[in-house]
């Protein structure tokens, strides 16, 4: 695909190699009644950018890429680029079990304006994650370690069930998306894990204040 900055006629193309630096959020794909919730996706993109994230990753595994059909996959990337509107770079997940499909997805992602691809790794706290990356770049390792300690429990707890089920739940609870709905083969969280995630999320927010 095109090297960032070599095709300025496309959306978001002014970024150079620095497009890959910093903290990039792997976005969830919000659903409502079985369909992609475009208004929620726009809201998530705006939220991430407002909080200071360096870039966005569209339709990775966190975005439930295996549950999207081919046209949905490309449209989510296209809409993410559109909603980002050149404010931050957008990288697209283009992995597939079929090599030919992965190559085609990569070509299409480039055509709709993605600045890079991820083929094959926090929606909820992009601000602290961006701050953590900035501290490391500034070589303020003691401060970075202290911030990481505050975030460690929630990072672990958000994987208490398959990603992105817990992430979607805390985002719905925070009012960032309308529904924590996921597509099969993913399932809704158990009540016990829901309580665990909520308690850890509340504790993390209190610890960050």
Protein backbone atom coordinates (compact mmCIF):
# COMPACT_ATOMS: atom_id res chain seq x y z
CA UNK A 1 0.00 0.00 0.00
CA UNK A 2 1.03 3.63 -0.29
CA UNK A 3 3.56 5.02 2.15
CA UNK A 4 1.88 7.64 4.37
CA UNK A 5 2.32 11.08 2.90
CA UNK A 6 2.85 9.93 -0.70
CA UNK A 7 -0.79 10.28 -1.75
CA UNK A 8 -2.08 13.65 -0.50
CA UNK A 9 -5.24 13.48 -2.63
CA UNK A 10 -6.82 10.98 -0.24
CA UNK A 11 -8.37 11.67 3.16
CA UNK A 12 -5.89 11.80 6.00
CA UNK A 13 -2.80 11.42 3.81
CA UNK A 14 -0.64 14.27 5.19
CA UNK A 15 0.89 11.99 7.83
CA UNK A 16 4.46 10.80 7.42
CA UNK A 17 6.21 7.92 9.20
CA UNK A 18 5.34 9.60 12.52
CA UNK A 19 1.78 8.39 11.90
CA UNK A 20 2.81 5.10 13.50
CA UNK A 21 4.23 6.63 16.70
CA UNK A 22 2.46 6.98 20.04
CA UNK A 23 -0.68 5.36 21.43
CA UNK A 24 -3.29 4.05 19.00
CA UNK A 25 -6.67 2.76 20.19
CA UNK A 26 -8.03 -0.48 18.73
CA UNK A 27 -11.66 0.57 18.30
CA UNK A 28 -14.62 -1.65 19.06
CA UNK A 29 -17.27 -1.87 16.35
CA UNK A 30 -20.53 -0.77 18.01
CA UNK A 31 -23.68 -2.68 17.07
CA UNK A 32 -27.35 -1.92 17.62
CA UNK A 33 -30.06 -4.45 16.72
CA UNK A 34 -27.56 -6.51 14.75
CA UNK A 35 -26.32 -3.63 12.57
CA UNK A 36 -23.24 -1.42 12.80
CA UNK A 37 -24.19 1.67 14.85
CA UNK A 38 -22.62 4.43 12.75
CA UNK A 39 -23.61 7.25 15.08
CA UNK A 40 -21.90 5.46 17.97
CA UNK A 41 -18.80 4.88 15.85
CA UNK A 42 -18.60 8.61 15.13
CA UNK A 43 -19.02 9.31 18.85
CA UNK A 44 -16.20 6.89 19.72
CA UNK A 45 -13.84 8.43 17.14
CA UNK A 46 -14.53 11.94 18.44
CA UNK A 47 -14.08 10.79 22.04
CA UNK A 48 -10.73 9.15 21.35
CA UNK A 49 -9.38 12.20 19.52
CA UNK A 50 -10.66 14.64 22.12
CA UNK A 51 -8.89 12.62 24.83
CA UNK A 52 -5.56 12.95 23.01
CA UNK A 53 -5.02 9.55 21.41
CA UNK A 54 -2.35 9.53 18.66
CA UNK A 55 -4.17 7.30 16.20
CA UNK A 56 -6.99 4.81 15.64
CA UNK A 57 -7.10 1.18 14.62
CA UNK A 58 -10.22 0.15 12.73
CA UNK A 59 -11.55 -3.40 12.47
CA UNK A 60 -8.85 -5.26 14.34
CA UNK A 61 -9.82 -8.26 16.46
CA UNK A 62 -11.13 -5.82 19.06
CA UNK A 63 -13.45 -4.55 16.32
CA UNK A 64 -14.92 -8.08 15.92
CA UNK A 65 -13.57 -8.32 12.38
CA UNK A 66 -14.44 -12.04 12.02
CA UNK A 67 -18.14 -11.20 12.52
CA UNK A 68 -18.25 -8.54 9.79
CA UNK A 69 -18.99 -9.39 6.19
CA UNK A 70 -16.64 -8.08 3.50
CA UNK A 71 -18.66 -4.96 2.67
CA UNK A 72 -19.16 -4.10 6.36
CA UNK A 73 -15.42 -4.50 6.96
CA UNK A 74 -14.52 -1.95 4.28
CA UNK A 75 -17.33 0.42 5.22
CA UNK A 76 -16.24 0.52 8.88
CA UNK A 77 -12.73 1.46 7.76
CA UNK A 78 -14.06 4.08 5.33
CA UNK A 79 -16.36 5.62 7.96
CA UNK A 80 -13.58 5.67 10.57
CA UNK A 81 -11.34 7.58 8.15
CA UNK A 82 -14.24 9.91 7.35
CA UNK A 83 -15.04 10.55 11.02
CA UNK A 84 -11.38 11.08 11.92
CA UNK A 85 -11.29 13.75 9.19
CA UNK A 86 -7.51 13.94 9.07
CA UNK A 87 -7.13 14.72 12.78
CA UNK A 88 -5.27 11.49 13.54
CA UNK A 89 -4.08 8.61 11.36
CA UNK A 90 -6.25 5.53 10.94
CA UNK A 91 -4.78 2.06 10.61
CA UNK A 92 -6.97 -0.78 9.40
CA UNK A 93 -7.12 -4.43 10.37
CA UNK A 94 -6.92 -6.46 7.16
CA UNK A 95 -6.09 -9.95 8.40
CA UNK A 96 -7.86 -13.03 7.09
CA UNK A 97 -7.47 -16.79 7.09
CA UNK A 98 -7.30 -16.50 3.29
CA UNK A 99 -4.18 -14.80 1.95
CA UNK A 100 -5.97 -13.55 -1.17
CA UNK A 101 -8.69 -11.93 0.95
CA UNK A 102 -6.11 -10.30 3.24
CA UNK A 103 -4.34 -8.83 0.21
CA UNK A 104 -7.61 -7.57 -1.23
CA UNK A 105 -8.69 -6.06 2.09
CA UNK A 106 -5.31 -4.30 2.32
CA UNK A 107 -5.77 -2.84 -1.17
CA UNK A 108 -9.30 -1.68 -0.36
CA UNK A 109 -8.23 -0.19 2.98
CA UNK A 110 -5.64 1.87 1.12
CA UNK A 111 -8.25 3.00 -1.39
CA UNK A 112 -10.60 4.30 1.31
CA UNK A 113 -7.83 6.31 2.98
CA UNK A 114 -6.29 4.22 5.77
CA UNK A 115 -2.74 5.33 6.61
CA UNK A 116 -1.56 1.84 7.52
CA UNK A 117 -2.67 -1.71 8.14
CA UNK A 118 -2.49 -4.21 10.96
CA UNK A 119 -2.71 -7.81 9.91
CA UNK A 120 -3.11 -10.28 12.63
CA UNK A 121 -2.64 -5.57 19.92
CA UNK A 122 -8.03 1.27 25.25
CA UNK A 123 -11.24 2.13 24.02
CA UNK A 124 -12.29 3.10 27.50
CA UNK A 125 -9.36 5.14 28.83
CA UNK A 126 -7.58 6.66 25.83
CA UNK A 127 -6.42 9.74 27.76
CA UNK A 128 -4.31 7.89 30.37
CA UNK A 129 -2.97 5.51 27.70
CA UNK A 130 -1.86 8.46 25.54
CA UNK A 131 -0.32 10.02 28.65
CA UNK A 132 1.53 6.79 29.42
CA UNK A 133 3.00 6.68 25.90
CA UNK A 134 4.01 10.35 26.17
CA UNK A 135 5.79 9.76 29.48
CA UNK A 136 7.80 6.91 27.97
CA UNK A 137 8.75 9.05 24.95
CA UNK A 138 9.88 11.78 27.37
CA UNK A 139 11.93 9.19 29.31
CA UNK A 140 9.96 9.93 32.47
CA UNK A 141 10.02 6.27 33.40
CA UNK A 142 9.21 6.64 37.11
CA UNK A 143 6.03 8.57 36.28
CA UNK A 144 5.16 6.11 33.53
CA UNK A 145 5.59 3.18 35.93
CA UNK A 146 3.34 4.86 38.52
CA UNK A 147 0.61 5.50 35.92
CA UNK A 148 0.90 1.96 34.59
CA UNK A 149 0.38 0.64 38.13
CA UNK A 150 -2.90 2.55 38.32
CA UNK A 151 -4.06 1.04 35.02
CA UNK A 152 -2.80 -2.52 35.45
CA UNK A 153 -5.85 -3.97 37.23
CA UNK A 154 -8.39 -2.68 34.71
CA UNK A 155 -6.27 -3.82 31.78
CA UNK A 156 -6.23 -7.35 33.21
CA UNK A 157 -9.90 -7.33 34.20
CA UNK A 158 -11.07 -6.22 30.75
CA UNK A 159 -9.86 -9.62 29.53
CA UNK A 160 -11.86 -11.59 32.10
CA UNK A 161 -13.98 -12.71 29.13
CA UNK A 162 -13.16 -12.72 25.42
CA UNK A 163 -12.29 -9.30 24.04
CA UNK A 164 -14.19 -7.01 23.39
CA UNK A 165 -17.15 -8.19 25.50
CA UNK A 166 -16.03 -6.52 28.79
CA UNK A 167 -14.78 -3.42 26.95
CA UNK A 168 -18.15 -2.89 25.31
CA UNK A 169 -19.88 -3.28 28.67
CA UNK A 170 -17.86 -0.53 30.38
CA UNK A 171 -18.30 1.72 27.33
CA UNK A 172 -22.06 1.27 27.43
CA UNK A 173 -22.04 1.94 31.17
CA UNK A 174 -20.08 5.15 30.53
CA UNK A 175 -22.62 6.28 27.91
CA UNK A 176 -20.17 6.02 25.01
CA UNK A 177 -22.25 3.49 23.06
CA UNK A 178 -25.93 2.60 23.27
CA UNK A 179 -25.50 -1.15 23.61
CA UNK A 180 -22.90 -3.67 24.69
CA UNK A 181 -24.25 -6.04 22.05
CA UNK A 182 -21.82 -8.47 20.41
CA UNK A 183 -22.23 -10.94 17.58
CA UNK A 184 -21.93 -14.72 17.79
CA UNK A 185 -19.78 -16.61 18.60
CA UNK A 186 -19.20 -14.00 21.35
CA UNK A 187 -21.67 -14.07 24.26
CA UNK A 188 -22.80 -11.58 26.88
CA UNK A 189 -20.87 -11.57 30.16
CA UNK A 190 -21.95 -13.52 33.20
CA UNK A 191 -23.43 -11.48 36.05
CA UNK A 192 -20.44 -12.27 38.26
CA UNK A 193 -17.94 -11.00 35.69
CA UNK A 194 -20.11 -7.96 34.99
CA UNK A 195 -19.96 -7.01 38.67
CA UNK A 196 -16.20 -7.66 38.73
CA UNK A 197 -15.58 -5.40 35.72
CA UNK A 198 -17.82 -2.63 37.07
CA UNK A 199 -16.12 -2.66 40.47
CA UNK A 200 -12.66 -2.56 38.88
CA UNK A 201 -13.67 0.24 36.51
CA UNK A 202 -15.01 2.34 39.38
CA UNK A 203 -11.85 1.72 41.41
CA UNK A 204 -9.64 2.69 38.47
CA UNK A 205 -11.50 5.95 37.88
CA UNK A 206 -11.23 6.81 41.57
CA UNK A 207 -7.51 6.01 41.52
CA UNK A 208 -6.91 8.28 38.53
CA UNK A 209 -8.58 11.30 40.11
